[in-house]
Amino acid sequence: RKSKITASRKLLLKSLMLAKAKEEWDQEILDKQAEKERYLSERVTPLHTSGLSLSQLQDLCRELHEKVEIVDEERYDIEAKCNHNTREIKDLKIKVLDLRGKFKRPPLRRVRVSADAMLRALLGSKHKVSMDLRANLKSVKKEDTEKERPVEVGDWRKNVEAMSGMEGRKKMFDAAKSPTGQ
């Protein structure tokens, strides 16, 4: 499907959109600066130090010092809360990734460890008895299955012809059901 707008028209629209976005961004910066100045003018009263005696200046400095300490404590508390929230968000993101299971697991190498070394690693110094796991295995006699079933040697072509079709399938099924073969 062909586009209805020409490439030059697209380029013009794109440049106009970028110019508009830049204007709005500059306006937003100016608005933030004006808001900051308004807030500071409300919170901070202008200082009039002309015509004050030494004791009045000292009192003014003490008051300013107390205000600075209060603001600094508030800043520290807010910063601690922000750091705590950041850590909590980070932990929650890790938990979400763990629950999703989409994180990349590192390739693990196979390591041959004997039973003694494994017990020593798990139990530490408590492990004193060496274990030979092969000695604890039961010995099982192999039953001679070939002696029980006599092997019929014959012409394989006759067997294929006899087993072809549905009757042959039925014979195989019946032979599997009966223990003697009939």
Protein backbone atom coordinates (compact mmCIF):
# COMPACT_ATOMS: atom_id res chain seq x y z
CA ARG A 1 0.00 0.00 0.00
CA LYS A 2 1.41 3.35 -0.96
CA SER A 3 1.45 6.27 1.42
CA LYS A 4 -0.85 9.17 0.52
CA ILE A 5 1.62 11.74 1.87
CA THR A 6 4.74 12.57 -0.11
CA ALA A 7 8.17 12.36 1.48
CA SER A 8 8.68 16.13 1.37
CA ARG A 9 5.30 16.69 3.07
CA LYS A 10 6.24 14.13 5.78
CA LEU A 11 9.55 15.92 6.35
CA LEU A 12 7.80 19.29 6.60
CA LEU A 13 5.26 17.94 9.12
CA LYS A 14 8.03 16.33 11.15
CA SER A 15 10.04 19.55 11.30
CA LEU A 16 6.91 21.50 12.31
CA MET A 17 6.17 18.98 15.08
CA LEU A 18 9.75 19.23 16.37
CA ALA A 19 9.58 23.05 16.35
CA LYS A 20 6.28 22.95 18.29
CA ALA A 21 7.73 20.47 20.81
CA LYS A 22 10.78 22.71 21.33
CA GLU A 23 8.52 25.73 21.93
CA GLU A 24 6.46 23.80 24.50
CA TRP A 25 9.61 22.54 26.22
CA ASP A 26 11.03 26.07 26.48
CA GLN A 27 7.68 27.30 27.82
CA GLU A 28 7.65 24.50 30.40
CA ILE A 29 11.15 25.49 31.59
CA LEU A 30 10.03 29.13 31.94
CA ASP A 31 6.91 28.03 33.87
CA LYS A 32 9.04 25.98 36.26
CA GLN A 33 11.37 28.89 36.89
CA ALA A 34 8.41 31.22 37.54
CA GLU A 35 6.87 28.67 39.94
CA LYS A 36 10.20 28.37 41.77
CA GLU A 37 10.53 32.14 42.12
CA ARG A 38 6.92 32.45 43.35
CA TYR A 39 7.46 29.68 45.94
CA LEU A 40 10.71 31.22 47.18
CA SER A 41 9.12 34.66 47.46
CA GLU A 42 6.36 33.16 49.64
CA ARG A 43 8.70 31.14 51.86
CA VAL A 44 11.72 33.44 52.14
CA THR A 45 11.24 36.95 53.42
CA PRO A 46 13.78 39.55 52.33
CA LEU A 47 16.42 40.42 54.95
CA HIS A 48 16.82 43.99 56.10
CA THR A 49 20.16 44.20 57.86
CA SER A 50 20.76 47.92 57.48
CA GLY A 51 20.50 49.88 60.71
CA LEU A 52 20.62 46.83 63.03
CA SER A 53 22.85 46.74 66.07
CA LEU A 54 25.38 43.95 66.72
CA SER A 55 23.10 42.10 69.17
CA GLN A 56 20.17 42.28 66.73
CA LEU A 57 22.37 40.90 63.93
CA GLN A 58 23.48 38.06 66.21
CA ASP A 59 19.86 37.23 67.06
CA LEU A 60 18.99 37.30 63.35
CA CYS A 61 21.90 34.93 62.62
CA ARG A 62 20.76 32.56 65.36
CA GLU A 63 17.22 32.52 63.95
CA LEU A 64 18.53 31.87 60.45
CA HIS A 65 20.78 29.14 61.80
CA GLU A 66 17.83 27.43 63.50
CA LYS A 67 15.77 27.65 60.30
CA VAL A 68 18.66 26.22 58.29
CA GLU A 69 18.98 23.32 60.75
CA ILE A 70 15.26 22.58 60.54
CA VAL A 71 15.30 22.65 56.74
CA ASP A 72 18.45 20.51 56.69
CA GLU A 73 16.80 17.90 58.95
CA GLU A 74 13.74 17.85 56.68
CA ARG A 75 15.97 17.49 53.63
CA TYR A 76 17.86 14.61 55.26
CA ASP A 77 14.59 12.85 56.21
CA ILE A 78 13.19 13.24 52.72
CA GLU A 79 16.44 12.00 51.19
CA ALA A 80 16.43 8.94 53.49
CA LYS A 81 12.82 8.16 52.54
CA CYS A 82 13.67 8.58 48.87
CA ASN A 83 16.66 6.21 49.16
CA HIS A 84 14.52 3.68 51.05
CA ASN A 85 11.81 3.85 48.39
CA THR A 86 14.40 3.49 45.63
CA ARG A 87 15.84 0.36 47.27
CA GLU A 88 12.35 -1.06 47.76
CA ILE A 89 11.46 -0.42 44.11
CA LYS A 90 14.70 -2.11 43.03
CA ASP A 91 13.93 -5.16 45.19
CA LEU A 92 10.38 -5.36 43.86
CA LYS A 93 11.66 -5.18 40.28
CA ILE A 94 14.01 -8.07 41.01
CA LYS A 95 11.13 -10.05 42.54
CA VAL A 96 8.98 -9.39 39.47
CA LEU A 97 11.77 -10.58 37.20
CA ASP A 98 12.18 -13.69 39.35
CA LEU A 99 8.46 -14.41 39.18
CA ARG A 100 8.45 -13.97 35.42
CA GLY A 101 11.39 -16.29 35.07
CA LYS A 102 12.84 -14.39 32.14
CA PHE A 103 16.24 -13.72 33.62
CA LYS A 104 19.23 -15.41 32.08
CA ARG A 105 20.63 -18.25 34.11
CA PRO A 106 24.38 -18.76 33.93
CA PRO A 107 25.56 -22.03 32.43
CA LEU A 108 26.51 -24.49 35.15
CA ARG A 109 29.38 -26.89 34.81
CA ARG A 110 29.20 -30.49 35.95
CA VAL A 111 31.50 -31.22 38.83
CA ARG A 112 32.35 -34.77 39.86
CA VAL A 113 32.19 -35.06 43.62
CA SER A 114 32.52 -38.27 45.55
CA ALA A 115 30.00 -39.15 48.25
CA ASP A 116 32.62 -38.54 50.94
CA ALA A 117 33.47 -35.10 49.60
CA MET A 118 29.79 -34.22 49.33
CA LEU A 119 29.08 -35.29 52.92
CA ARG A 120 32.18 -33.42 54.09
CA ALA A 121 30.93 -30.28 52.33
CA LEU A 122 27.43 -30.62 53.77
CA LEU A 123 28.26 -31.76 57.29
CA GLY A 124 31.66 -30.17 57.72
CA SER A 125 33.81 -31.65 60.48
CA LYS A 126 30.97 -33.87 61.76
CA HIS A 127 31.51 -36.33 58.91
CA LYS A 128 34.09 -38.90 59.96
CA VAL A 129 32.91 -42.21 58.50
CA SER A 130 33.86 -42.85 54.91
CA MET A 131 31.06 -44.25 52.85
CA ASP A 132 31.39 -46.77 50.11
CA LEU A 133 28.06 -46.57 48.36
CA ARG A 134 28.82 -49.45 46.01
CA ALA A 135 29.26 -51.84 48.93
CA ASN A 136 25.72 -51.08 50.13
CA LEU A 137 24.14 -51.99 46.80
CA LYS A 138 22.18 -55.24 46.63
CA SER A 139 23.46 -57.86 44.30
CA VAL A 140 20.79 -58.99 41.86
CA LYS A 141 20.98 -62.23 39.93
CA LYS A 142 20.26 -62.00 36.27
CA GLU A 143 17.52 -64.37 35.33
CA ASP A 144 18.21 -66.39 32.27
CA THR A 145 15.35 -65.24 30.06
CA GLU A 146 16.70 -66.95 26.97
CA LYS A 147 16.23 -70.41 28.52
CA GLU A 148 12.56 -69.79 29.21
CA ARG A 149 11.66 -68.76 25.66
CA PRO A 150 12.69 -71.14 22.94
CA VAL A 151 13.72 -69.31 19.80
CA GLU A 152 11.95 -70.46 16.67
CA VAL A 153 14.13 -70.30 13.61
CA GLY A 154 12.22 -70.33 10.41
CA ASP A 155 11.67 -68.60 7.15
CA TRP A 156 11.01 -64.95 7.84
CA ARG A 157 9.07 -64.49 4.61
CA LYS A 158 6.38 -66.91 5.73
CA ASN A 159 6.09 -65.05 9.03
CA VAL A 160 5.63 -61.71 7.21
CA GLU A 161 2.92 -63.15 4.97
CA ALA A 162 1.13 -64.67 7.97
CA MET A 163 1.20 -61.43 9.93
CA SER A 164 0.06 -59.16 7.10
CA GLY A 165 -3.46 -57.72 7.20
CA MET A 166 -5.82 -57.48 10.15
CA GLU A 167 -5.68 -61.19 10.94
CA GLY A 168 -1.94 -60.92 11.50
CA ARG A 169 -2.47 -58.02 13.91
CA LYS A 170 -5.06 -60.09 15.77
CA LYS A 171 -2.62 -63.02 16.03
CA MET A 172 0.07 -60.73 17.43
CA PHE A 173 -2.43 -59.32 19.96
CA ASP A 174 -3.60 -62.79 21.02
CA ALA A 175 -0.01 -64.03 21.29
CA ALA A 176 0.86 -61.12 23.59
CA LYS A 177 -2.16 -61.85 25.84
CA SER A 178 -1.57 -65.53 26.36
CA PRO A 179 1.53 -66.49 28.37
CA THR A 180 2.22 -69.70 26.42
CA GLY A 181 1.89 -68.10 23.04
CA GLN A 182 -1.49 -69.71 22.14
